[in-house]
PDB file of N, CA and C in Angstrom:
ATOM      1  N   MET A   1     155.624  86.996  44.181  1.00  0.00           N
ATOM      2  CA  MET A   1     154.809  85.841  44.132  1.00  0.00           C
ATOM      3  C   MET A   1     153.780  85.626  43.383  1.00  0.00           C
ATOM      4  N   GLU A   2     153.439  84.054  43.241  1.00  0.00           N
ATOM      5  CA  GLU A   2     152.399  84.610  41.690  1.00  0.00           C
ATOM      6  C   GLU A   2     151.164  84.520  42.572  1.00  0.00           C
ATOM      7  N   TYR A   3     149.854  84.639  41.932  1.00  0.00           N
ATOM      8  CA  TYR A   3     149.141  84.401  42.154  1.00  0.00           C
ATOM      9  C   TYR A   3     147.632  83.984  40.766  1.00  0.00           C
ATOM     10  N   TYR A   4     146.959  82.913  40.523  1.00  0.00           N
ATOM     11  CA  TYR A   4     146.113  82.459  39.448  1.00  0.00           C
ATOM     12  C   TYR A   4     144.790  83.072  39.774  1.00  0.00           C
ATOM     13  N   VAL A   5     144.425  84.415  39.248  1.00  0.00           N
ATOM     14  CA  VAL A   5     142.933  85.007  39.502  1.00  0.00           C
ATOM     15  C   VAL A   5     141.847  84.280  38.528  1.00  0.00           C
ATOM     16  N   LYS A   6     140.900  84.156  39.054  1.00  0.00           N
ATOM     17  CA  LYS A   6     139.505  83.423  37.837  1.00  0.00           C
ATOM     18  C   LYS A   6     138.738  85.050  37.076  1.00  0.00           C
ATOM     19  N   ASP A   7     139.237  86.661  37.525  1.00  0.00           N
ATOM     20  CA  ASP A   7     139.522  87.420  36.801  1.00  0.00           C
ATOM     21  C   ASP A   7     140.455  88.891  37.077  1.00  0.00           C
ATOM     22  N   ILE A   8     140.761  88.623  36.510  1.00  0.00           N
ATOM     23  CA  ILE A   8     142.029  89.488  36.216  1.00  0.00           C
ATOM     24  C   ILE A   8     142.033  91.071  36.434  1.00  0.00           C
ATOM     25  N   GLU A   9     140.491  91.547  35.888  1.00  0.00           N
ATOM     26  CA  GLU A   9     139.998  92.673  35.897  1.00  0.00           C
ATOM     27  C   GLU A   9     139.859  93.246  37.531  1.00  0.00           C
ATOM     28  N   ALA A  10     138.482  92.109  37.728  1.00  0.00           N
ATOM     29  CA  ALA A  10     138.848  92.854  39.627  1.00  0.00           C
ATOM     30  C   ALA A  10     139.898  92.963  40.437  1.00  0.00           C
ATOM     31  N   SER A  11     141.103  91.494  40.136  1.00  0.00           N
ATOM     32  CA  SER A  11     142.059  91.639  40.750  1.00  0.00           C
ATOM     33  C   SER A  11     142.919  92.602  40.505  1.00  0.00           C
ATOM     34  N   LEU A  12     142.918  93.111  39.650  1.00  0.00           N
ATOM     35  CA  LEU A  12     143.212  94.470  39.182  1.00  0.00           C
ATOM     36  C   LEU A  12     142.897  95.583  40.035  1.00  0.00           C
ATOM     37  N   GLU A  13     141.314  96.063  40.126  1.00  0.00           N
ATOM     38  CA  GLU A  13     140.596  96.428  41.127  1.00  0.00           C
ATOM     39  C   GLU A  13     141.186  96.720  42.705  1.00  0.00           C
ATOM     40  N   PHE A  14     141.138  95.255  42.870  1.00  0.00           N
ATOM     41  CA  PHE A  14     141.365  95.265  43.964  1.00  0.00           C
ATOM     42  C   PHE A  14     142.949  95.859  44.379  1.00  0.00           C
ATOM     43  N   TYR A  15     144.078  94.953  43.463  1.00  0.00           N
ATOM     44  CA  TYR A  15     145.177  95.133  44.079  1.00  0.00           C
ATOM     45  C   TYR A  15     145.333  96.761  43.625  1.00  0.00           C
ATOM     46  N   GLU A  16     145.394  97.564  43.068  1.00  0.00           N
ATOM     47  CA  GLU A  16     145.654  98.809  42.792  1.00  0.00           C
ATOM     48  C   GLU A  16     144.949  99.518  43.188  1.00  0.00           C
ATOM     49  N   ASN A  17     143.473  99.889  42.938  1.00  0.00           N
ATOM     50  CA  ASN A  17     142.591 100.914  43.483  1.00  0.00           C
ATOM     51  C   ASN A  17     142.709 100.692  44.865  1.00  0.00           C
ATOM     52  N   LEU A  18     142.222  99.865  45.637  1.00  0.00           N
ATOM     53  CA  LEU A  18     141.726  99.354  46.818  1.00  0.00           C
ATOM     54  C   LEU A  18     143.072  99.288  47.900  1.00  0.00           C
ATOM     55  N   VAL A  19     144.042  98.233  47.498  1.00  0.00           N
ATOM     56  CA  VAL A  19     145.443  98.170  48.545  1.00  0.00           C
ATOM     57  C   VAL A  19     146.185  99.490  48.126  1.00  0.00           C
ATOM     58  N   GLY A  20     146.188  99.845  46.508  1.00  0.00           N
ATOM     59  CA  GLY A  20     146.701 100.916  46.762  1.00  0.00           C
ATOM     60  C   GLY A  20     148.479 100.749  45.654  1.00  0.00           C
ATOM     61  N   LEU A  21     148.264  99.583  45.398  1.00  0.00           N
ATOM     62  CA  LEU A  21     149.779  98.758  44.529  1.00  0.00           C
ATOM     63  C   LEU A  21     150.219  99.646  42.972  1.00  0.00           C
ATOM     64  N   GLU A  22     151.136 100.186  42.759  1.00  0.00           N
ATOM     65  CA  GLU A  22     151.611 100.714  41.702  1.00  0.00           C
ATOM     66  C   GLU A  22     151.361  99.397  40.796  1.00  0.00           C
ATOM     67  N   LEU A  23     150.675  99.107  39.945  1.00  0.00           N
ATOM     68  CA  LEU A  23     151.092  98.723  38.499  1.00  0.00           C
ATOM     69  C   LEU A  23     152.339  98.614  37.617  1.00  0.00           C
ATOM     70  N   TYR A  24     153.182  97.878  37.543  1.00  0.00           N
ATOM     71  CA  TYR A  24     154.129  97.272  36.432  1.00  0.00           C
ATOM     72  C   TYR A  24     153.908  97.688  35.244  1.00  0.00           C
ATOM     73  N   GLY A  25     153.082  96.271  35.011  1.00  0.00           N
ATOM     74  CA  GLY A  25     152.901  96.557  34.044  1.00  0.00           C
ATOM     75  C   GLY A  25     152.029  95.225  33.885  1.00  0.00           C
ATOM     76  N   ARG A  26     151.424  94.978  32.271  1.00  0.00           N
ATOM     77  CA  ARG A  26     150.498  94.267  32.144  1.00  0.00           C
ATOM     78  C   ARG A  26     150.190  93.699  30.722  1.00  0.00           C
ATOM     79  N   ASN A  27     149.429  92.717  30.946  1.00  0.00           N
ATOM     80  CA  ASN A  27     149.147  92.495  29.067  1.00  0.00           C
ATOM     81  C   ASN A  27     147.838  92.025  29.225  1.00  0.00           C
ATOM     82  N   GLU A  28     146.705  91.025  28.356  1.00  0.00           N
ATOM     83  CA  GLU A  28     145.535  90.688  28.625  1.00  0.00           C
ATOM     84  C   GLU A  28     144.873  89.022  29.269  1.00  0.00           C
ATOM     85  N   ARG A  29     146.518  88.718  30.141  1.00  0.00           N
ATOM     86  CA  ARG A  29     146.449  87.609  30.566  1.00  0.00           C
ATOM     87  C   ARG A  29     147.256  87.602  31.996  1.00  0.00           C
ATOM     88  N   ALA A  30     147.997  89.186  32.616  1.00  0.00           N
ATOM     89  CA  ALA A  30     148.384  88.841  33.615  1.00  0.00           C
ATOM     90  C   ALA A  30     149.209  90.318  33.443  1.00  0.00           C
ATOM     91  N   ALA A  31     149.753  91.065  35.135  1.00  0.00           N
ATOM     92  CA  ALA A  31     149.546  92.070  35.755  1.00  0.00           C
ATOM     93  C   ALA A  31     150.792  91.655  36.562  1.00  0.00           C
ATOM     94  N   ARG A  32     151.400  92.879  36.975  1.00  0.00           N
ATOM     95  CA  ARG A  32     152.688  92.885  37.560  1.00  0.00           C
ATOM     96  C   ARG A  32     152.656  94.174  38.546  1.00  0.00           C
ATOM     97  N   PHE A  33     153.274  93.853  39.575  1.00  0.00           N
ATOM     98  CA  PHE A  33     152.544  94.836  40.829  1.00  0.00           C
ATOM     99  C   PHE A  33     154.767  94.708  41.206  1.00  0.00           C
ATOM    100  N   ASN A  34     155.084  95.633  41.663  1.00  0.00           N
ATOM    101  CA  ASN A  34     156.132  96.242  41.816  1.00  0.00           C
ATOM    102  C   ASN A  34     156.450  96.343  43.147  1.00  0.00           C
ATOM    103  N   TYR A  35     156.864  96.133  44.388  1.00  0.00           N
ATOM    104  CA  TYR A  35     156.501  97.205  45.091  1.00  0.00           C
ATOM    105  C   TYR A  35     157.471  97.013  46.678  1.00  0.00           C
ATOM    106  N   ASP A  36     159.017  97.755  46.635  1.00  0.00           N
ATOM    107  CA  ASP A  36     159.540  97.750  47.394  1.00  0.00           C
ATOM    108  C   ASP A  36     160.642  96.554  47.530  1.00  0.00           C
ATOM    109  N   CYS A  37     160.906  95.268  48.111  1.00  0.00           N
ATOM    110  CA  CYS A  37     161.382  93.650  47.464  1.00  0.00           C
ATOM    111  C   CYS A  37     160.735  93.138  47.636  1.00  0.00           C
ATOM    112  N   PHE A  38     159.368  93.239  47.239  1.00  0.00           N
ATOM    113  CA  PHE A  38     158.178  92.394  46.663  1.00  0.00           C
ATOM    114  C   PHE A  38     157.974  92.790  45.012  1.00  0.00           C
ATOM    115  N   SER A  39     157.031  91.720  44.498  1.00  0.00           N
ATOM    116  CA  SER A  39     156.823  91.537  43.395  1.00  0.00           C
ATOM    117  C   SER A  39     155.629  90.422  43.203  1.00  0.00           C
ATOM    118  N   LEU A  40     154.605  90.718  43.031  1.00  0.00           N
ATOM    119  CA  LEU A  40     153.135  90.214  42.741  1.00  0.00           C
ATOM    120  C   LEU A  40     153.415  90.106  41.580  1.00  0.00           C
ATOM    121  N   LEU A  41     153.085  88.937  40.461  1.00  0.00           N
ATOM    122  CA  LEU A  41     152.295  88.762  39.386  1.00  0.00           C
ATOM    123  C   LEU A  41     150.775  87.593  39.289  1.00  0.00           C
ATOM    124  N   LEU A  42     149.697  88.552  38.748  1.00  0.00           N
ATOM    125  CA  LEU A  42     148.223  88.162  38.422  1.00  0.00           C
ATOM    126  C   LEU A  42     148.375  87.260  37.577  1.00  0.00           C
ATOM    127  N   THR A  43     148.077  85.693  37.569  1.00  0.00           N
ATOM    128  CA  THR A  43     147.819  85.402  36.186  1.00  0.00           C
ATOM    129  C   THR A  43     146.677  85.072  35.614  1.00  0.00           C
ATOM    130  N   SER A  44     145.553  84.605  34.533  1.00  0.00           N
ATOM    131  CA  SER A  44     144.783  84.745  35.020  1.00  0.00           C
ATOM    132  C   SER A  44     144.670  82.804  34.816  1.00  0.00           C
ATOM    133  N   GLU A  45     143.402  82.248  35.756  1.00  0.00           N
ATOM    134  CA  GLU A  45     143.418  80.850  35.179  1.00  0.00           C
ATOM    135  C   GLU A  45     143.604  79.845  34.238  1.00  0.00           C
ATOM    136  N   GLN A  46     142.918  81.006  33.394  1.00  0.00           N
ATOM    137  CA  GLN A  46     142.537  80.452  31.965  1.00  0.00           C
ATOM    138  C   GLN A  46     144.280  79.921  31.445  1.00  0.00           C
ATOM    139  N   ILE A  47     145.471  80.751  31.434  1.00  0.00           N
ATOM    140  CA  ILE A  47     146.623  80.031  31.367  1.00  0.00           C
ATOM    141  C   ILE A  47     146.936  78.519  31.762  1.00  0.00           C
ATOM    142  N   LEU A  48     146.553  78.542  33.618  1.00  0.00           N
ATOM    143  CA  LEU A  48     146.733  76.972  33.423  1.00  0.00           C
ATOM    144  C   LEU A  48     146.008  75.856  32.604  1.00  0.00           C
ATOM    145  N   ASN A  49     144.976  76.268  31.945  1.00  0.00           N
ATOM    146  CA  ASN A  49     144.361  75.469  30.497  1.00  0.00           C
ATOM    147  C   ASN A  49     145.436  74.902  29.061  1.00  0.00           C
ATOM    148  N   LYS A  50     146.306  76.156  29.415  1.00  0.00           N
ATOM    149  CA  LYS A  50     147.174  75.846  28.053  1.00  0.00           C
ATOM    150  C   LYS A  50     148.520  75.560  28.737  1.00  0.00           C
ATOM    151  N   LYS A  51     148.930  75.013  29.930  1.00  0.00           N
ATOM    152  CA  LYS A  51     150.686  74.758  30.248  1.00  0.00           C
ATOM    153  C   LYS A  51     149.885  73.467  30.890  1.00  0.00           C
ATOM    154  N   GLU A  52     149.882  72.728  30.894  1.00  0.00           N
ATOM    155  CA  GLU A  52     149.165  70.798  30.981  1.00  0.00           C
ATOM    156  C   GLU A  52     150.288  70.488  32.806  1.00  0.00           C
ATOM    157  N   LYS A  53     151.734  71.319  32.430  1.00  0.00           N
ATOM    158  CA  LYS A  53     152.477  70.645  33.904  1.00  0.00           C
ATOM    159  C   LYS A  53     152.112  71.193  34.380  1.00  0.00           C
ATOM    160  N   GLU A  54     151.676  72.366  34.477  1.00  0.00           N
ATOM    161  CA  GLU A  54     150.989  73.402  35.467  1.00  0.00           C
ATOM    162  C   GLU A  54     150.065  73.099  36.234  1.00  0.00           C
ATOM    163  N   ARG A  55     148.508  73.021  35.772  1.00  0.00           N
ATOM    164  CA  ARG A  55     147.259  72.295  35.800  1.00  0.00           C
ATOM    165  C   ARG A  55     147.326  71.319  36.415  1.00  0.00           C
ATOM    166  N   THR A  56     148.662  70.351  36.116  1.00  0.00           N
ATOM    167  CA  THR A  56     148.574  68.868  36.838  1.00  0.00           C
ATOM    168  C   THR A  56     149.033  69.129  37.898  1.00  0.00           C
ATOM    169  N   TYR A  57     149.717  70.256  37.834  1.00  0.00           N
ATOM    170  CA  TYR A  57     150.772  70.071  39.730  1.00  0.00           C
ATOM    171  C   TYR A  57     149.384  70.840  40.446  1.00  0.00           C
ATOM    172  N   PHE A  58     148.818  71.893  40.324  1.00  0.00           N
ATOM    173  CA  PHE A  58     147.532  72.051  40.731  1.00  0.00           C
ATOM    174  C   PHE A  58     146.637  71.461  40.896  1.00  0.00           C
ATOM    175  N   ASP A  59     146.403  70.390  40.060  1.00  0.00           N
ATOM    176  CA  ASP A  59     145.114  69.464  40.387  1.00  0.00           C
ATOM    177  C   ASP A  59     145.311  68.428  41.057  1.00  0.00           C
ATOM    178  N   GLN A  60     146.665  67.622  41.154  1.00  0.00           N
ATOM    179  CA  GLN A  60     147.193  66.682  42.060  1.00  0.00           C
ATOM    180  C   GLN A  60     147.334  67.367  43.487  1.00  0.00           C
ATOM    181  N   ASN A  61     147.651  68.634  43.758  1.00  0.00           N
ATOM    182  CA  ASN A  61     148.227  68.792  45.002  1.00  0.00           C
ATOM    183  C   ASN A  61     147.042  69.757  45.957  1.00  0.00           C
ATOM    184  N   GLY A  62     145.865  70.080  45.276  1.00  0.00           N
ATOM    185  CA  GLY A  62     144.744  70.303  45.652  1.00  0.00           C
ATOM    186  C   GLY A  62     144.578  71.835  45.803  1.00  0.00           C
ATOM    187  N   MET A  63     145.013  72.279  45.095  1.00  0.00           N
ATOM    188  CA  MET A  63     145.860  73.531  45.040  1.00  0.00           C
ATOM    189  C   MET A  63     144.697  74.741  44.534  1.00  0.00           C
ATOM    190  N   ALA A  64     143.985  73.713  43.009  1.00  0.00           N
ATOM    191  CA  ALA A  64     142.782  74.293  42.302  1.00  0.00           C
ATOM    192  C   ALA A  64     142.071  75.120  43.357  1.00  0.00           C
ATOM    193  N   GLN A  65     141.244  74.190  43.592  1.00  0.00           N
ATOM    194  CA  GLN A  65     140.120  74.499  44.352  1.00  0.00           C
ATOM    195  C   GLN A  65     140.378  74.934  45.687  1.00  0.00           C
ATOM    196  N   GLY A  66     141.323  74.958  47.020  1.00  0.00           N
ATOM    197  CA  GLY A  66     141.589  75.698  48.072  1.00  0.00           C
ATOM    198  C   GLY A  66     142.661  76.879  48.096  1.00  0.00           C
ATOM    199  N   LYS A  67     142.690  77.768  47.198  1.00  0.00           N
ATOM    200  CA  LYS A  67     143.667  78.532  47.419  1.00  0.00           C
ATOM    201  C   LYS A  67     143.589  79.458  48.676  1.00  0.00           C
ATOM    202  N   GLY A  68     145.152  79.682  48.984  1.00  0.00           N
ATOM    203  CA  GLY A  68     145.464  80.714  49.656  1.00  0.00           C
ATOM    204  C   GLY A  68     144.970  79.767  51.100  1.00  0.00           C
ATOM    205  N   ASN A  69     144.503  78.370  51.212  1.00  0.00           N
ATOM    206  CA  ASN A  69     144.520  78.201  52.847  1.00  0.00           C
ATOM    207  C   ASN A  69     145.264  77.665  53.543  1.00  0.00           C
ATOM    208  N   GLY A  70     145.684  78.458  54.818  1.00  0.00           N
ATOM    209  CA  GLY A  70     146.598  78.424  55.191  1.00  0.00           C
ATOM    210  C   GLY A  70     147.970  79.343  55.130  1.00  0.00           C
ATOM    211  N   ALA A  71     147.672  80.479  53.964  1.00  0.00           N
ATOM    212  CA  ALA A  71     148.551  81.621  53.670  1.00  0.00           C
ATOM    213  C   ALA A  71     148.070  82.726  53.892  1.00  0.00           C
ATOM    214  N   GLU A  72     148.691  83.510  54.754  1.00  0.00           N
ATOM    215  CA  GLU A  72     148.490  85.102  53.900  1.00  0.00           C
ATOM    216  C   GLU A  72     149.793  86.190  53.640  1.00  0.00           C
ATOM    217  N   MET A  73     148.914  86.823  53.389  1.00  0.00           N
ATOM    218  CA  MET A  73     150.395  87.607  52.510  1.00  0.00           C
ATOM    219  C   MET A  73     149.985  88.656  52.907  1.00  0.00           C
ATOM    220  N   ILE A  74     151.322  89.556  53.740  1.00  0.00           N
ATOM    221  CA  ILE A  74     151.076  90.758  54.350  1.00  0.00           C
ATOM    222  C   ILE A  74     151.479  91.449  52.878  1.00  0.00           C
ATOM    223  N   ILE A  75     150.820  93.090  53.224  1.00  0.00           N
ATOM    224  CA  ILE A  75     150.758  93.963  52.479  1.00  0.00           C
ATOM    225  C   ILE A  75     151.712  95.694  53.626  1.00  0.00           C
ATOM    226  N   VAL A  76     152.794  96.197  53.700  1.00  0.00           N
ATOM    227  CA  VAL A  76     153.006  96.949  54.481  1.00  0.00           C
ATOM    228  C   VAL A  76     152.491  98.312  53.877  1.00  0.00           C
ATOM    229  N   VAL A  77     151.854  99.372  54.248  1.00  0.00           N
ATOM    230  CA  VAL A  77     151.470 100.279  53.443  1.00  0.00           C
ATOM    231  C   VAL A  77     152.069 101.634  54.340  1.00  0.00           C
ATOM    232  N   ASP A  78     152.081 102.684  53.695  1.00  0.00           N
ATOM    233  CA  ASP A  78     152.503 103.966  54.769  1.00  0.00           C
ATOM    234  C   ASP A  78     151.512 104.861  55.303  1.00  0.00           C
ATOM    235  N   ARG A  79     150.384 104.478  54.705  1.00  0.00           N
ATOM    236  CA  ARG A  79     149.116 105.017  55.736  1.00  0.00           C
ATOM    237  C   ARG A  79     147.633 104.812  55.505  1.00  0.00           C
ATOM    238  N   LEU A  80     147.902 103.746  56.300  1.00  0.00           N
ATOM    239  CA  LEU A  80     146.720 102.318  56.803  1.00  0.00           C
ATOM    240  C   LEU A  80     145.349 102.808  56.762  1.00  0.00           C
ATOM    241  N   GLU A  81     145.180 103.683  57.349  1.00  0.00           N
ATOM    242  CA  GLU A  81     144.100 104.686  57.584  1.00  0.00           C
ATOM    243  C   GLU A  81     143.702 104.832  56.293  1.00  0.00           C
ATOM    244  N   VAL A  82     143.811 105.329  55.312  1.00  0.00           N
ATOM    245  CA  VAL A  82     143.379 105.788  54.041  1.00  0.00           C
ATOM    246  C   VAL A  82     143.494 104.592  53.424  1.00  0.00           C
ATOM    247  N   VAL A  83     144.181 103.777  53.536  1.00  0.00           N
ATOM    248  CA  VAL A  83     143.845 102.217  52.694  1.00  0.00           C
ATOM    249  C   VAL A  83     142.684 101.371  52.976  1.00  0.00           C
ATOM    250  N   TYR A  84     142.504 101.450  54.307  1.00  0.00           N
ATOM    251  CA  TYR A  84     141.514 101.078  55.305  1.00  0.00           C
ATOM    252  C   TYR A  84     140.003 101.862  54.623  1.00  0.00           C
ATOM    253  N   GLU A  85     140.173 103.124  55.333  1.00  0.00           N
ATOM    254  CA  GLU A  85     138.900 104.080  54.843  1.00  0.00           C
ATOM    255  C   GLU A  85     138.542 103.284  53.040  1.00  0.00           C
ATOM    256  N   ARG A  86     139.863 103.626  51.745  1.00  0.00           N
ATOM    257  CA  ARG A  86     139.029 102.880  50.568  1.00  0.00           C
ATOM    258  C   ARG A  86     138.227 101.660  50.903  1.00  0.00           C
ATOM    259  N   PHE A  87     138.615 100.907  51.044  1.00  0.00           N
ATOM    260  CA  PHE A  87     137.749  99.376  51.456  1.00  0.00           C
ATOM    261  C   PHE A  87     136.467  99.928  51.826  1.00  0.00           C
ATOM    262  N   LEU A  88     136.655 100.827  53.037  1.00  0.00           N
ATOM    263  CA  LEU A  88     134.817 100.673  53.653  1.00  0.00           C
ATOM    264  C   LEU A  88     133.986 101.591  52.985  1.00  0.00           C
ATOM    265  N   HIS A  89     134.701 102.346  52.062  1.00  0.00           N
ATOM    266  CA  HIS A  89     134.071 103.539  50.785  1.00  0.00           C
ATOM    267  C   HIS A  89     133.316 102.745  50.347  1.00  0.00           C
ATOM    268  N   VAL A  90     133.971 101.653  50.130  1.00  0.00           N
ATOM    269  CA  VAL A  90     133.005 100.961  48.528  1.00  0.00           C
ATOM    270  C   VAL A  90     131.900  99.488  49.210  1.00  0.00           C
ATOM    271  N   ASP A  91     132.122  99.592  50.572  1.00  0.00           N
ATOM    272  CA  ASP A  91     131.893  98.790  50.957  1.00  0.00           C
ATOM    273  C   ASP A  91     131.817  97.140  51.210  1.00  0.00           C
ATOM    274  N   TYR A  92     133.788  97.588  50.732  1.00  0.00           N
ATOM    275  CA  TYR A  92     134.259  95.824  50.493  1.00  0.00           C
ATOM    276  C   TYR A  92     134.501  94.634  51.741  1.00  0.00           C
ATOM    277  N   PRO A  93     134.107  93.763  52.206  1.00  0.00           N
ATOM    278  CA  PRO A  93     134.023  93.674  53.381  1.00  0.00           C
ATOM    279  C   PRO A  93     135.866  93.154  54.037  1.00  0.00           C
ATOM    280  N   VAL A  94     135.798  92.970  54.698  1.00  0.00           N
ATOM    281  CA  VAL A  94     136.869  93.626  55.818  1.00  0.00           C
ATOM    282  C   VAL A  94     136.663  92.654  56.656  1.00  0.00           C
ATOM    283  N   VAL A  95     137.708  91.323  56.681  1.00  0.00           N
ATOM    284  CA  VAL A  95     137.974  90.180  57.538  1.00  0.00           C
ATOM    285  C   VAL A  95     137.635  90.587  58.882  1.00  0.00           C
ATOM    286  N   VAL A  96     139.157  91.515  59.376  1.00  0.00           N
ATOM    287  CA  VAL A  96     139.292  92.250  60.866  1.00  0.00           C
ATOM    288  C   VAL A  96     139.552  93.423  60.708  1.00  0.00           C
ATOM    289  N   GLY A  97     138.882  94.175  61.146  1.00  0.00           N
ATOM    290  CA  GLY A  97     139.279  95.535  61.356  1.00  0.00           C
ATOM    291  C   GLY A  97     140.081  95.810  61.555  1.00  0.00           C
ATOM    292  N   ILE A  98     141.086  97.649  62.038  1.00  0.00           N
ATOM    293  CA  ILE A  98     142.053  97.445  62.053  1.00  0.00           C
ATOM    294  C   ILE A  98     142.756  97.189  63.500  1.00  0.00           C
ATOM    295  N   GLN A  99     143.365  96.718  63.578  1.00  0.00           N
ATOM    296  CA  GLN A  99     143.517  96.172  65.238  1.00  0.00           C
ATOM    297  C   GLN A  99     145.612  96.177  65.317  1.00  0.00           C
ATOM    298  N   THR A 100     146.091  96.158  66.767  1.00  0.00           N
ATOM    299  CA  THR A 100     147.757  96.345  66.768  1.00  0.00           C
ATOM    300  C   THR A 100     147.905  95.452  67.671  1.00  0.00           C
ATOM    301  N   TYR A 101     149.043  94.815  66.970  1.00  0.00           N
ATOM    302  CA  TYR A 101     149.303  93.444  67.059  1.00  0.00           C
ATOM    303  C   TYR A 101     150.523  93.750  67.984  1.00  0.00           C
ATOM    304  N   PRO A 102     150.718  92.881  69.319  1.00  0.00           N
ATOM    305  CA  PRO A 102     151.910  92.492  70.380  1.00  0.00           C
ATOM    306  C   PRO A 102     152.762  92.994  69.903  1.00  0.00           C
ATOM    307  N   TRP A 103     153.401  93.149  68.333  1.00  0.00           N
ATOM    308  CA  TRP A 103     154.863  93.400  68.358  1.00  0.00           C
ATOM    309  C   TRP A 103     154.796  95.031  67.606  1.00  0.00           C
ATOM    310  N   GLY A 104     153.782  95.793  67.749  1.00  0.00           N
ATOM    311  CA  GLY A 104     153.639  97.306  68.109  1.00  0.00           C
ATOM    312  C   GLY A 104     153.309  97.511  66.512  1.00  0.00           C
ATOM    313  N   MET A 105     153.013  96.602  65.468  1.00  0.00           N
ATOM    314  CA  MET A 105     152.577  97.227  64.128  1.00  0.00           C
ATOM    315  C   MET A 105     150.845  97.229  64.428  1.00  0.00           C
ATOM    316  N   ARG A 106     150.338  97.955  63.476  1.00  0.00           N
ATOM    317  CA  ARG A 106     148.533  98.129  63.005  1.00  0.00           C
ATOM    318  C   ARG A 106     148.335  97.537  61.772  1.00  0.00           C
ATOM    319  N   GLY A 107     147.211  96.838  62.012  1.00  0.00           N
ATOM    320  CA  GLY A 107     146.805  96.315  60.227  1.00  0.00           C
ATOM    321  C   GLY A 107     145.294  95.903  60.846  1.00  0.00           C
ATOM    322  N   PHE A 108     144.660  95.603  59.033  1.00  0.00           N
ATOM    323  CA  PHE A 108     143.187  94.845  59.138  1.00  0.00           C
ATOM    324  C   PHE A 108     143.829  93.730  58.184  1.00  0.00           C
ATOM    325  N   LYS A 109     142.540  92.951  57.858  1.00  0.00           N
ATOM    326  CA  LYS A 109     142.657  91.926  56.986  1.00  0.00           C
ATOM    327  C   LYS A 109     141.252  92.149  55.891  1.00  0.00           C
ATOM    328  N   VAL A 110     142.044  91.696  54.948  1.00  0.00           N
ATOM    329  CA  VAL A 110     140.302  91.196  54.123  1.00  0.00           C
ATOM    330  C   VAL A 110     141.394  90.087  53.162  1.00  0.00           C
ATOM    331  N   ALA A 111     139.900  89.665  52.216  1.00  0.00           N
ATOM    332  CA  ALA A 111     140.095  88.284  51.398  1.00  0.00           C
ATOM    333  C   ALA A 111     140.181  88.973  49.979  1.00  0.00           C
ATOM    334  N   ASP A 112     141.205  88.845  48.839  1.00  0.00           N
ATOM    335  CA  ASP A 112     140.880  89.409  48.066  1.00  0.00           C
ATOM    336  C   ASP A 112     140.025  88.524  46.751  1.00  0.00           C
ATOM    337  N   PRO A 113     139.544  89.124  45.511  1.00  0.00           N
ATOM    338  CA  PRO A 113     138.683  88.975  44.795  1.00  0.00           C
ATOM    339  C   PRO A 113     138.756  86.915  44.173  1.00  0.00           C
ATOM    340  N   ASP A 114     139.439  86.462  45.128  1.00  0.00           N
ATOM    341  CA  ASP A 114     139.860  85.116  45.052  1.00  0.00           C
ATOM    342  C   ASP A 114     139.992  84.090  45.816  1.00  0.00           C
ATOM    343  N   GLY A 115     140.068  85.077  47.168  1.00  0.00           N
ATOM    344  CA  GLY A 115     140.022  84.468  48.281  1.00  0.00           C
ATOM    345  C   GLY A 115     140.729  84.609  49.349  1.00  0.00           C
ATOM    346  N   ASN A 116     141.879  85.129  48.612  1.00  0.00           N
ATOM    347  CA  ASN A 116     142.981  84.976  49.268  1.00  0.00           C
ATOM    348  C   ASN A 116     142.932  85.999  50.429  1.00  0.00           C
ATOM    349  N   LEU A 117     143.930  85.352  51.836  1.00  0.00           N
ATOM    350  CA  LEU A 117     143.591  86.267  52.890  1.00  0.00           C
ATOM    351  C   LEU A 117     144.971  87.364  52.533  1.00  0.00           C
ATOM    352  N   ILE A 118     144.859  88.747  52.926  1.00  0.00           N
ATOM    353  CA  ILE A 118     145.474  89.726  52.905  1.00  0.00           C
ATOM    354  C   ILE A 118     145.721  90.575  54.185  1.00  0.00           C
ATOM    355  N   ARG A 119     146.958  90.473  54.681  1.00  0.00           N
ATOM    356  CA  ARG A 119     146.742  91.190  55.944  1.00  0.00           C
ATOM    357  C   ARG A 119     147.877  92.635  55.185  1.00  0.00           C
ATOM    358  N   ILE A 120     147.054  93.930  55.684  1.00  0.00           N
ATOM    359  CA  ILE A 120     147.677  95.128  55.102  1.00  0.00           C
ATOM    360  C   ILE A 120     147.856  95.795  56.369  1.00  0.00           C
ATOM    361  N   THR A 121     148.780  96.181  56.855  1.00  0.00           N
ATOM    362  CA  THR A 121     149.686  96.601  57.604  1.00  0.00           C
ATOM    363  C   THR A 121     150.594  98.079  57.636  1.00  0.00           C
ATOM    364  N   SER A 122     150.977  98.696  58.500  1.00  0.00           N
ATOM    365  CA  SER A 122     151.838  99.320  58.058  1.00  0.00           C
ATOM    366  C   SER A 122     152.900  99.291  59.652  1.00  0.00           C
ATOM    367  N   GLU A 123     154.103 100.652  59.517  1.00  0.00           N
ATOM    368  CA  GLU A 123     155.386  99.914  59.693  1.00  0.00           C
ATOM    369  C   GLU A 123     155.680 101.081  61.497  1.00  0.00           C
TER     370      GLU A 123
END
């Protein structure tokens, strides 16, 4: 999955220090996290200005303004309460507090710095 982000440093802070994903690699305009069978690439929105084809795609399809509408990324963590407490400790807004889902998993929801909805759950 790739997210185009406004502020790469704010996104790194969110995914690495709050969610707890391990940074795999980065440069000045992108960062990559690998987690189990999942890879998340964060790329600065500024790169879209240099890639005419991608910028046109996002503009024509309404994606540039309404990121994440109708989508939710789910990240499974080993220690849900520890991750949740990290968000509370820094007063990061939690969209939905910890709850138990009908299928037995527990989780909570937050929005990343770009407004993408993230559900953090435990197995």
